[in-house]
Amino acid sequence: MPNISFQILENGYIESLIQVHKSVLIDKIKRYGSYVDVNINNASELCEREKITNKYIWLWAYHNKVCELYRLSEYQVQIILGIDLRVMKSTISFDDSEG
């Protein structure tokens, strides 16, 4: 098994990094979290958007885990996972308190 070590970054640096990451994540979820701007009759477009949406679902979970690791819960992102019934694919959105 490889020797893996994690460098604990200074709290001020990681906090500013997570703050920027949160802002970017929110912007990307707003942009790619639904299928409203996708031609639902184009299977290729749907497939590509689904990959992007799944990527941001994963990135959201990763972001929140890093916030938990560094005890920065104020930077966690709360989302709503849903389904676009027209295409039966996952969506990501926010409640009124986020983004």
PDB file of N, CA and C in Angstrom:
ATOM      1  N   MET A   1       0.850  -1.176   0.000  1.00  0.00           N
ATOM      2  CA  MET A   1       0.000   0.000   0.000  1.00  0.00           C
ATOM      3  C   MET A   1       0.895   1.238   0.000  1.00  0.00           C
ATOM      4  N   PRO A   2       0.593   2.209  -0.893  1.00  0.00           N
ATOM      5  CA  PRO A   2       1.432   3.404  -0.955  1.00  0.00           C
ATOM      6  C   PRO A   2       1.282   4.252   0.303  1.00  0.00           C
ATOM      7  N   ASN A   3       2.349   4.964   0.626  1.00  0.00           N
ATOM      8  CA  ASN A   3       2.328   5.867   1.765  1.00  0.00           C
ATOM      9  C   ASN A   3       1.676   7.174   1.319  1.00  0.00           C
ATOM     10  N   ILE A   4       0.513   7.465   1.867  1.00  0.00           N
ATOM     11  CA  ILE A   4      -0.231   8.668   1.497  1.00  0.00           C
ATOM     12  C   ILE A   4      -0.253   9.605   2.697  1.00  0.00           C
ATOM     13  N   SER A   5       0.133  10.840   2.479  1.00  0.00           N
ATOM     14  CA  SER A   5       0.060  11.822   3.559  1.00  0.00           C
ATOM     15  C   SER A   5      -0.698  13.040   3.051  1.00  0.00           C
ATOM     16  N   PHE A   6      -1.433  13.640   3.942  1.00  0.00           N
ATOM     17  CA  PHE A   6      -2.192  14.836   3.609  1.00  0.00           C
ATOM     18  C   PHE A   6      -1.567  16.021   4.321  1.00  0.00           C
ATOM     19  N   GLN A   7      -1.315  17.043   3.579  1.00  0.00           N
ATOM     20  CA  GLN A   7      -0.789  18.264   4.180  1.00  0.00           C
ATOM     21  C   GLN A   7      -1.978  19.108   4.620  1.00  0.00           C
ATOM     22  N   ILE A   8      -2.023  19.417   5.885  1.00  0.00           N
ATOM     23  CA  ILE A   8      -3.086  20.275   6.391  1.00  0.00           C
ATOM     24  C   ILE A   8      -2.689  21.719   6.087  1.00  0.00           C
ATOM     25  N   LEU A   9      -3.510  22.360   5.291  1.00  0.00           N
ATOM     26  CA  LEU A   9      -3.221  23.729   4.872  1.00  0.00           C
ATOM     27  C   LEU A   9      -3.618  24.722   5.960  1.00  0.00           C
ATOM     28  N   GLU A  10      -2.999  25.871   5.932  1.00  0.00           N
ATOM     29  CA  GLU A  10      -3.367  26.918   6.880  1.00  0.00           C
ATOM     30  C   GLU A  10      -4.839  27.245   6.724  1.00  0.00           C
ATOM     31  N   ASN A  11      -5.512  27.445   7.843  1.00  0.00           N
ATOM     32  CA  ASN A  11      -6.949  27.630   7.826  1.00  0.00           C
ATOM     33  C   ASN A  11      -7.380  28.819   6.980  1.00  0.00           C
ATOM     34  N   GLY A  12      -6.686  29.940   7.030  1.00  0.00           N
ATOM     35  CA  GLY A  12      -7.064  31.103   6.238  1.00  0.00           C
ATOM     36  C   GLY A  12      -6.987  30.840   4.751  1.00  0.00           C
ATOM     37  N   TYR A  13      -5.962  30.102   4.334  1.00  0.00           N
ATOM     38  CA  TYR A  13      -5.803  29.782   2.917  1.00  0.00           C
ATOM     39  C   TYR A  13      -6.901  28.846   2.445  1.00  0.00           C
ATOM     40  N   ILE A  14      -7.136  27.775   3.199  1.00  0.00           N
ATOM     41  CA  ILE A  14      -8.154  26.804   2.780  1.00  0.00           C
ATOM     42  C   ILE A  14      -9.542  27.445   2.818  1.00  0.00           C
ATOM     43  N   GLU A  15      -9.763  28.323   3.772  1.00  0.00           N
ATOM     44  CA  GLU A  15     -11.067  28.982   3.854  1.00  0.00           C
ATOM     45  C   GLU A  15     -11.326  29.840   2.617  1.00  0.00           C
ATOM     46  N   SER A  16     -10.331  30.607   2.188  1.00  0.00           N
ATOM     47  CA  SER A  16     -10.531  31.432   0.995  1.00  0.00           C
ATOM     48  C   SER A  16     -10.670  30.564  -0.251  1.00  0.00           C
ATOM     49  N   LEU A  17      -9.934  29.470  -0.305  1.00  0.00           N
ATOM     50  CA  LEU A  17     -10.042  28.541  -1.434  1.00  0.00           C
ATOM     51  C   LEU A  17     -11.437  27.920  -1.501  1.00  0.00           C
ATOM     52  N   ILE A  18     -11.955  27.498  -0.368  1.00  0.00           N
ATOM     53  CA  ILE A  18     -13.291  26.887  -0.332  1.00  0.00           C
ATOM     54  C   ILE A  18     -14.368  27.919  -0.651  1.00  0.00           C
ATOM     55  N   GLN A  19     -14.168  29.144  -0.214  1.00  0.00           N
ATOM     56  CA  GLN A  19     -15.135  30.204  -0.516  1.00  0.00           C
ATOM     57  C   GLN A  19     -15.228  30.424  -2.029  1.00  0.00           C
ATOM     58  N   VAL A  20     -14.088  30.476  -2.695  1.00  0.00           N
ATOM     59  CA  VAL A  20     -14.072  30.632  -4.154  1.00  0.00           C
ATOM     60  C   VAL A  20     -14.689  29.412  -4.814  1.00  0.00           C
ATOM     61  N   HIS A  21     -14.330  28.234  -4.326  1.00  0.00           N
ATOM     62  CA  HIS A  21     -14.867  26.992  -4.896  1.00  0.00           C
ATOM     63  C   HIS A  21     -16.383  26.955  -4.774  1.00  0.00           C
ATOM     64  N   LYS A  22     -16.910  27.390  -3.629  1.00  0.00           N
ATOM     65  CA  LYS A  22     -18.361  27.417  -3.432  1.00  0.00           C
ATOM     66  C   LYS A  22     -19.025  28.316  -4.464  1.00  0.00           C
ATOM     67  N   SER A  23     -18.445  29.485  -4.683  1.00  0.00           N
ATOM     68  CA  SER A  23     -19.004  30.430  -5.649  1.00  0.00           C
ATOM     69  C   SER A  23     -19.021  29.838  -7.057  1.00  0.00           C
ATOM     70  N   VAL A  24     -17.926  29.216  -7.453  1.00  0.00           N
ATOM     71  CA  VAL A  24     -17.853  28.595  -8.783  1.00  0.00           C
ATOM     72  C   VAL A  24     -18.850  27.453  -8.882  1.00  0.00           C
ATOM     73  N   LEU A  25     -18.925  26.622  -7.839  1.00  0.00           N
ATOM     74  CA  LEU A  25     -19.852  25.488  -7.841  1.00  0.00           C
ATOM     75  C   LEU A  25     -21.293  25.955  -8.004  1.00  0.00           C
ATOM     76  N   ILE A  26     -21.677  26.982  -7.274  1.00  0.00           N
ATOM     77  CA  ILE A  26     -23.040  27.500  -7.377  1.00  0.00           C
ATOM     78  C   ILE A  26     -23.315  28.007  -8.790  1.00  0.00           C
ATOM     79  N   ASP A  27     -22.379  28.757  -9.358  1.00  0.00           N
ATOM     80  CA  ASP A  27     -22.554  29.251 -10.728  1.00  0.00           C
ATOM     81  C   ASP A  27     -22.712  28.107 -11.725  1.00  0.00           C
ATOM     82  N   LYS A  28     -21.894  27.078 -11.590  1.00  0.00           N
ATOM     83  CA  LYS A  28     -21.952  25.947 -12.533  1.00  0.00           C
ATOM     84  C   LYS A  28     -23.243  25.160 -12.366  1.00  0.00           C
ATOM     85  N   ILE A  29     -23.699  24.971 -11.133  1.00  0.00           N
ATOM     86  CA  ILE A  29     -24.958  24.255 -10.916  1.00  0.00           C
ATOM     87  C   ILE A  29     -26.119  25.044 -11.498  1.00  0.00           C
ATOM     88  N   LYS A  30     -26.100  26.363 -11.332  1.00  0.00           N
ATOM     89  CA  LYS A  30     -27.154  27.188 -11.939  1.00  0.00           C
ATOM     90  C   LYS A  30     -27.150  27.036 -13.455  1.00  0.00           C
ATOM     91  N   ARG A  31     -25.960  26.953 -14.033  1.00  0.00           N
ATOM     92  CA  ARG A  31     -25.827  26.880 -15.497  1.00  0.00           C
ATOM     93  C   ARG A  31     -26.161  25.496 -16.048  1.00  0.00           C
ATOM     94  N   TYR A  32     -25.714  24.446 -15.359  1.00  0.00           N
ATOM     95  CA  TYR A  32     -25.807  23.091 -15.918  1.00  0.00           C
ATOM     96  C   TYR A  32     -26.691  22.133 -15.121  1.00  0.00           C
ATOM     97  N   GLY A  33     -27.420  22.616 -14.131  1.00  0.00           N
ATOM     98  CA  GLY A  33     -28.178  21.731 -13.255  1.00  0.00           C
ATOM     99  C   GLY A  33     -29.518  21.268 -13.778  1.00  0.00           C
ATOM    100  N   SER A  34     -29.927  21.774 -14.932  1.00  0.00           N
ATOM    101  CA  SER A  34     -31.225  21.365 -15.483  1.00  0.00           C
ATOM    102  C   SER A  34     -31.107  21.178 -16.998  1.00  0.00           C
ATOM    103  N   TYR A  35     -32.227  20.868 -17.591  1.00  0.00           N
ATOM    104  CA  TYR A  35     -32.263  20.599 -19.037  1.00  0.00           C
ATOM    105  C   TYR A  35     -33.075  21.649 -19.796  1.00  0.00           C
ATOM    106  N   VAL A  36     -33.314  22.802 -19.164  1.00  0.00           N
ATOM    107  CA  VAL A  36     -34.179  23.807 -19.783  1.00  0.00           C
ATOM    108  C   VAL A  36     -33.595  24.373 -21.074  1.00  0.00           C
ATOM    109  N   ASP A  37     -32.275  24.410 -21.193  1.00  0.00           N
ATOM    110  CA  ASP A  37     -31.667  24.973 -22.402  1.00  0.00           C
ATOM    111  C   ASP A  37     -31.158  23.895 -23.354  1.00  0.00           C
ATOM    112  N   VAL A  38     -31.624  22.661 -23.156  1.00  0.00           N
ATOM    113  CA  VAL A  38     -31.187  21.536 -23.991  1.00  0.00           C
ATOM    114  C   VAL A  38     -32.352  21.103 -24.876  1.00  0.00           C
ATOM    115  N   ASN A  39     -32.045  20.823 -26.126  1.00  0.00           N
ATOM    116  CA  ASN A  39     -33.054  20.277 -27.035  1.00  0.00           C
ATOM    117  C   ASN A  39     -33.331  18.837 -26.616  1.00  0.00           C
ATOM    118  N   ILE A  40     -34.491  18.604 -25.991  1.00  0.00           N
ATOM    119  CA  ILE A  40     -34.772  17.274 -25.454  1.00  0.00           C
ATOM    120  C   ILE A  40     -35.022  16.225 -26.537  1.00  0.00           C
ATOM    121  N   ASN A  41     -35.093  16.664 -27.779  1.00  0.00           N
ATOM    122  CA  ASN A  41     -35.239  15.713 -28.886  1.00  0.00           C
ATOM    123  C   ASN A  41     -33.886  15.269 -29.431  1.00  0.00           C
ATOM    124  N   ASN A  42     -32.825  15.845 -28.918  1.00  0.00           N
ATOM    125  CA  ASN A  42     -31.478  15.512 -29.369  1.00  0.00           C
ATOM    126  C   ASN A  42     -30.801  14.637 -28.309  1.00  0.00           C
ATOM    127  N   ALA A  43     -30.715  13.338 -28.584  1.00  0.00           N
ATOM    128  CA  ALA A  43     -30.171  12.380 -27.620  1.00  0.00           C
ATOM    129  C   ALA A  43     -28.726  12.694 -27.245  1.00  0.00           C
ATOM    130  N   SER A  44     -27.958  13.181 -28.185  1.00  0.00           N
ATOM    131  CA  SER A  44     -26.557  13.507 -27.923  1.00  0.00           C
ATOM    132  C   SER A  44     -26.440  14.658 -26.922  1.00  0.00           C
ATOM    133  N   GLU A  45     -27.238  15.702 -27.112  1.00  0.00           N
ATOM    134  CA  GLU A  45     -27.230  16.838 -26.177  1.00  0.00           C
ATOM    135  C   GLU A  45     -27.664  16.399 -24.784  1.00  0.00           C
ATOM    136  N   LEU A  46     -28.689  15.554 -24.729  1.00  0.00           N
ATOM    137  CA  LEU A  46     -29.168  15.055 -23.434  1.00  0.00           C
ATOM    138  C   LEU A  46     -28.088  14.257 -22.716  1.00  0.00           C
ATOM    139  N   CYS A  47     -27.415  13.413 -23.456  1.00  0.00           N
ATOM    140  CA  CYS A  47     -26.359  12.572 -22.889  1.00  0.00           C
ATOM    141  C   CYS A  47     -25.213  13.429 -22.347  1.00  0.00           C
ATOM    142  N   GLU A  48     -24.813  14.429 -23.114  1.00  0.00           N
ATOM    143  CA  GLU A  48     -23.729  15.304 -22.678  1.00  0.00           C
ATOM    144  C   GLU A  48     -24.129  16.094 -21.432  1.00  0.00           C
ATOM    145  N   ARG A  49     -25.353  16.607 -21.395  1.00  0.00           N
ATOM    146  CA  ARG A  49     -25.793  17.360 -20.223  1.00  0.00           C
ATOM    147  C   ARG A  49     -25.900  16.444 -19.003  1.00  0.00           C
ATOM    148  N   GLU A  50     -26.332  15.224 -19.212  1.00  0.00           N
ATOM    149  CA  GLU A  50     -26.418  14.283 -18.094  1.00  0.00           C
ATOM    150  C   GLU A  50     -25.038  14.034 -17.482  1.00  0.00           C
ATOM    151  N   LYS A  51     -24.018  13.902 -18.325  1.00  0.00           N
ATOM    152  CA  LYS A  51     -22.647  13.721 -17.822  1.00  0.00           C
ATOM    153  C   LYS A  51     -22.213  14.926 -17.001  1.00  0.00           C
ATOM    154  N   ILE A  52     -22.523  16.122 -17.500  1.00  0.00           N
ATOM    155  CA  ILE A  52     -22.140  17.348 -16.801  1.00  0.00           C
ATOM    156  C   ILE A  52     -22.892  17.453 -15.469  1.00  0.00           C
ATOM    157  N   THR A  53     -24.179  17.172 -15.483  1.00  0.00           N
ATOM    158  CA  THR A  53     -24.981  17.229 -14.261  1.00  0.00           C
ATOM    159  C   THR A  53     -24.444  16.254 -13.223  1.00  0.00           C
ATOM    160  N   ASN A  54     -24.140  15.039 -13.647  1.00  0.00           N
ATOM    161  CA  ASN A  54     -23.594  14.042 -12.722  1.00  0.00           C
ATOM    162  C   ASN A  54     -22.239  14.482 -12.161  1.00  0.00           C
ATOM    163  N   LYS A  55     -21.440  15.157 -12.988  1.00  0.00           N
ATOM    164  CA  LYS A  55     -20.154  15.668 -12.520  1.00  0.00           C
ATOM    165  C   LYS A  55     -20.361  16.682 -11.398  1.00  0.00           C
ATOM    166  N   TYR A  56     -21.337  17.568 -11.564  1.00  0.00           N
ATOM    167  CA  TYR A  56     -21.562  18.575 -10.539  1.00  0.00           C
ATOM    168  C   TYR A  56     -22.239  18.007  -9.295  1.00  0.00           C
ATOM    169  N   ILE A  57     -22.979  16.941  -9.418  1.00  0.00           N
ATOM    170  CA  ILE A  57     -23.496  16.245  -8.234  1.00  0.00           C
ATOM    171  C   ILE A  57     -22.316  15.678  -7.441  1.00  0.00           C
ATOM    172  N   TRP A  58     -21.374  15.056  -8.136  1.00  0.00           N
ATOM    173  CA  TRP A  58     -20.187  14.520  -7.478  1.00  0.00           C
ATOM    174  C   TRP A  58     -19.378  15.653  -6.851  1.00  0.00           C
ATOM    175  N   LEU A  59     -19.181  16.741  -7.582  1.00  0.00           N
ATOM    176  CA  LEU A  59     -18.389  17.864  -7.090  1.00  0.00           C
ATOM    177  C   LEU A  59     -19.036  18.506  -5.869  1.00  0.00           C
ATOM    178  N   TRP A  60     -20.351  18.573  -5.842  1.00  0.00           N
ATOM    179  CA  TRP A  60     -21.073  19.084  -4.680  1.00  0.00           C
ATOM    180  C   TRP A  60     -20.772  18.223  -3.452  1.00  0.00           C
ATOM    181  N   ALA A  61     -20.855  16.905  -3.609  1.00  0.00           N
ATOM    182  CA  ALA A  61     -20.577  16.000  -2.488  1.00  0.00           C
ATOM    183  C   ALA A  61     -19.128  16.148  -2.020  1.00  0.00           C
ATOM    184  N   TYR A  62     -18.207  16.247  -2.964  1.00  0.00           N
ATOM    185  CA  TYR A  62     -16.789  16.423  -2.641  1.00  0.00           C
ATOM    186  C   TYR A  62     -16.572  17.741  -1.890  1.00  0.00           C
ATOM    187  N   HIS A  63     -17.148  18.801  -2.395  1.00  0.00           N
ATOM    188  CA  HIS A  63     -17.014  20.123  -1.770  1.00  0.00           C
ATOM    189  C   HIS A  63     -17.480  20.074  -0.314  1.00  0.00           C
ATOM    190  N   ASN A  64     -18.658  19.505  -0.095  1.00  0.00           N
ATOM    191  CA  ASN A  64     -19.187  19.452   1.264  1.00  0.00           C
ATOM    192  C   ASN A  64     -18.336  18.572   2.176  1.00  0.00           C
ATOM    193  N   LYS A  65     -17.757  17.517   1.633  1.00  0.00           N
ATOM    194  CA  LYS A  65     -16.879  16.657   2.429  1.00  0.00           C
ATOM    195  C   LYS A  65     -15.614  17.403   2.846  1.00  0.00           C
ATOM    196  N   VAL A  66     -15.043  18.190   1.940  1.00  0.00           N
ATOM    197  CA  VAL A  66     -13.862  18.992   2.276  1.00  0.00           C
ATOM    198  C   VAL A  66     -14.229  20.031   3.338  1.00  0.00           C
ATOM    199  N   CYS A  67     -15.395  20.649   3.202  1.00  0.00           N
ATOM    200  CA  CYS A  67     -15.848  21.602   4.222  1.00  0.00           C
ATOM    201  C   CYS A  67     -15.959  20.914   5.580  1.00  0.00           C
ATOM    202  N   GLU A  68     -16.485  19.710   5.580  1.00  0.00           N
ATOM    203  CA  GLU A  68     -16.601  18.941   6.819  1.00  0.00           C
ATOM    204  C   GLU A  68     -15.223  18.624   7.394  1.00  0.00           C
ATOM    205  N   LEU A  69     -14.306  18.219   6.556  1.00  0.00           N
ATOM    206  CA  LEU A  69     -12.950  17.874   6.978  1.00  0.00           C
ATOM    207  C   LEU A  69     -12.262  19.050   7.665  1.00  0.00           C
ATOM    208  N   TYR A  70     -12.431  20.250   7.094  1.00  0.00           N
ATOM    209  CA  TYR A  70     -11.782  21.442   7.643  1.00  0.00           C
ATOM    210  C   TYR A  70     -12.679  22.210   8.625  1.00  0.00           C
ATOM    211  N   ARG A  71     -13.807  21.632   8.972  1.00  0.00           N
ATOM    212  CA  ARG A  71     -14.756  22.250   9.911  1.00  0.00           C
ATOM    213  C   ARG A  71     -15.177  23.645   9.447  1.00  0.00           C
ATOM    214  N   LEU A  72     -15.539  23.718   8.190  1.00  0.00           N
ATOM    215  CA  LEU A  72     -15.999  24.973   7.592  1.00  0.00           C
ATOM    216  C   LEU A  72     -17.431  24.804   7.078  1.00  0.00           C
ATOM    217  N   SER A  73     -18.307  24.393   7.965  1.00  0.00           N
ATOM    218  CA  SER A  73     -19.682  24.076   7.569  1.00  0.00           C
ATOM    219  C   SER A  73     -20.420  25.271   6.972  1.00  0.00           C
ATOM    220  N   GLU A  74     -19.980  26.485   7.297  1.00  0.00           N
ATOM    221  CA  GLU A  74     -20.658  27.671   6.746  1.00  0.00           C
ATOM    222  C   GLU A  74     -20.480  27.792   5.231  1.00  0.00           C
ATOM    223  N   TYR A  75     -19.547  27.032   4.663  1.00  0.00           N
ATOM    224  CA  TYR A  75     -19.328  27.059   3.215  1.00  0.00           C
ATOM    225  C   TYR A  75     -19.955  25.861   2.497  1.00  0.00           C
ATOM    226  N   GLN A  76     -20.642  25.004   3.243  1.00  0.00           N
ATOM    227  CA  GLN A  76     -21.304  23.883   2.584  1.00  0.00           C
ATOM    228  C   GLN A  76     -22.445  24.393   1.715  1.00  0.00           C
ATOM    229  N   VAL A  77     -22.733  23.649   0.676  1.00  0.00           N
ATOM    230  CA  VAL A  77     -23.769  24.019  -0.285  1.00  0.00           C
ATOM    231  C   VAL A  77     -24.947  23.068  -0.113  1.00  0.00           C
ATOM    232  N   GLN A  78     -26.125  23.639   0.053  1.00  0.00           N
ATOM    233  CA  GLN A  78     -27.349  22.838   0.166  1.00  0.00           C
ATOM    234  C   GLN A  78     -28.046  22.824  -1.189  1.00  0.00           C
ATOM    235  N   ILE A  79     -28.314  21.638  -1.696  1.00  0.00           N
ATOM    236  CA  ILE A  79     -28.962  21.521  -3.003  1.00  0.00           C
ATOM    237  C   ILE A  79     -30.226  20.688  -2.886  1.00  0.00           C
ATOM    238  N   ILE A  80     -30.986  20.722  -3.949  1.00  0.00           N
ATOM    239  CA  ILE A  80     -32.156  19.864  -4.092  1.00  0.00           C
ATOM    240  C   ILE A  80     -31.908  18.997  -5.315  1.00  0.00           C
ATOM    241  N   LEU A  81     -31.882  17.689  -5.111  1.00  0.00           N
ATOM    242  CA  LEU A  81     -31.767  16.771  -6.239  1.00  0.00           C
ATOM    243  C   LEU A  81     -33.168  16.447  -6.715  1.00  0.00           C
ATOM    244  N   GLY A  82     -33.374  16.530  -8.006  1.00  0.00           N
ATOM    245  CA  GLY A  82     -34.686  16.259  -8.570  1.00  0.00           C
ATOM    246  C   GLY A  82     -34.582  15.449  -9.843  1.00  0.00           C
ATOM    247  N   ILE A  83     -35.710  15.315 -10.498  1.00  0.00           N
ATOM    248  CA  ILE A  83     -35.792  14.587 -11.768  1.00  0.00           C
ATOM    249  C   ILE A  83     -36.563  15.451 -12.757  1.00  0.00           C
ATOM    250  N   ASP A  84     -36.024  15.599 -13.949  1.00  0.00           N
ATOM    251  CA  ASP A  84     -36.772  16.238 -15.036  1.00  0.00           C
ATOM    252  C   ASP A  84     -37.617  15.129 -15.659  1.00  0.00           C
ATOM    253  N   LEU A  85     -38.911  15.169 -15.419  1.00  0.00           N
ATOM    254  CA  LEU A  85     -39.798  14.093 -15.854  1.00  0.00           C
ATOM    255  C   LEU A  85     -39.922  13.996 -17.369  1.00  0.00           C
ATOM    256  N   ARG A  86     -39.604  15.064 -18.073  1.00  0.00           N
ATOM    257  CA  ARG A  86     -39.672  15.011 -19.538  1.00  0.00           C
ATOM    258  C   ARG A  86     -38.620  14.069 -20.098  1.00  0.00           C
ATOM    259  N   VAL A  87     -37.474  14.008 -19.427  1.00  0.00           N
ATOM    260  CA  VAL A  87     -36.358  13.207 -19.944  1.00  0.00           C
ATOM    261  C   VAL A  87     -35.905  12.135 -18.957  1.00  0.00           C
ATOM    262  N   MET A  88     -36.511  12.117 -17.747  1.00  0.00           N
ATOM    263  CA  MET A  88     -36.186  11.147 -16.687  1.00  0.00           C
ATOM    264  C   MET A  88     -34.703  11.166 -16.340  1.00  0.00           C
ATOM    265  N   LYS A  89     -34.197  12.380 -16.104  1.00  0.00           N
ATOM    266  CA  LYS A  89     -32.790  12.551 -15.750  1.00  0.00           C
ATOM    267  C   LYS A  89     -32.674  13.460 -14.526  1.00  0.00           C
ATOM    268  N   SER A  90     -31.582  13.293 -13.791  1.00  0.00           N
ATOM    269  CA  SER A  90     -31.351  14.047 -12.560  1.00  0.00           C
ATOM    270  C   SER A  90     -31.172  15.538 -12.826  1.00  0.00           C
ATOM    271  N   THR A  91     -31.653  16.337 -11.884  1.00  0.00           N
ATOM    272  CA  THR A  91     -31.447  17.776 -11.913  1.00  0.00           C
ATOM    273  C   THR A  91     -30.900  18.217 -10.556  1.00  0.00           C
ATOM    274  N   ILE A  92     -30.269  19.385 -10.536  1.00  0.00           N
ATOM    275  CA  ILE A  92     -29.762  19.981  -9.305  1.00  0.00           C
ATOM    276  C   ILE A  92     -30.308  21.400  -9.239  1.00  0.00           C
ATOM    277  N   SER A  93     -30.812  21.769  -8.085  1.00  0.00           N
ATOM    278  CA  SER A  93     -31.278  23.141  -7.901  1.00  0.00           C
ATOM    279  C   SER A  93     -31.030  23.547  -6.451  1.00  0.00           C
ATOM    280  N   PHE A  94     -31.415  24.760  -6.123  1.00  0.00           N
ATOM    281  CA  PHE A  94     -31.225  25.309  -4.792  1.00  0.00           C
ATOM    282  C   PHE A  94     -32.556  25.693  -4.209  1.00  0.00           C
ATOM    283  N   ASP A  95     -32.616  25.676  -2.876  1.00  0.00           N
ATOM    284  CA  ASP A  95     -33.778  26.283  -2.239  1.00  0.00           C
ATOM    285  C   ASP A  95     -33.540  27.792  -2.194  1.00  0.00           C
ATOM    286  N   ASP A  96     -34.429  28.528  -1.630  1.00  0.00           N
ATOM    287  CA  ASP A  96     -34.339  29.990  -1.659  1.00  0.00           C
ATOM    288  C   ASP A  96     -33.152  30.546  -0.872  1.00  0.00           C
ATOM    289  N   SER A  97     -32.621  29.787   0.092  1.00  0.00           N
ATOM    290  CA  SER A  97     -31.556  30.312   0.936  1.00  0.00           C
ATOM    291  C   SER A  97     -30.173  30.216   0.285  1.00  0.00           C
ATOM    292  N   GLU A  98     -30.035  29.416  -0.743  1.00  0.00           N
ATOM    293  CA  GLU A  98     -28.743  29.218  -1.413  1.00  0.00           C
ATOM    294  C   GLU A  98     -28.762  29.917  -2.756  1.00  0.00           C
ATOM    295  N   GLY A  99     -27.579  30.193  -3.274  1.00  0.00           N
ATOM    296  CA  GLY A  99     -27.419  30.694  -4.633  1.00  0.00           C
ATOM    297  C   GLY A  99     -28.448  31.658  -5.040  1.00  0.00           C
TER     298      GLY A  99
END
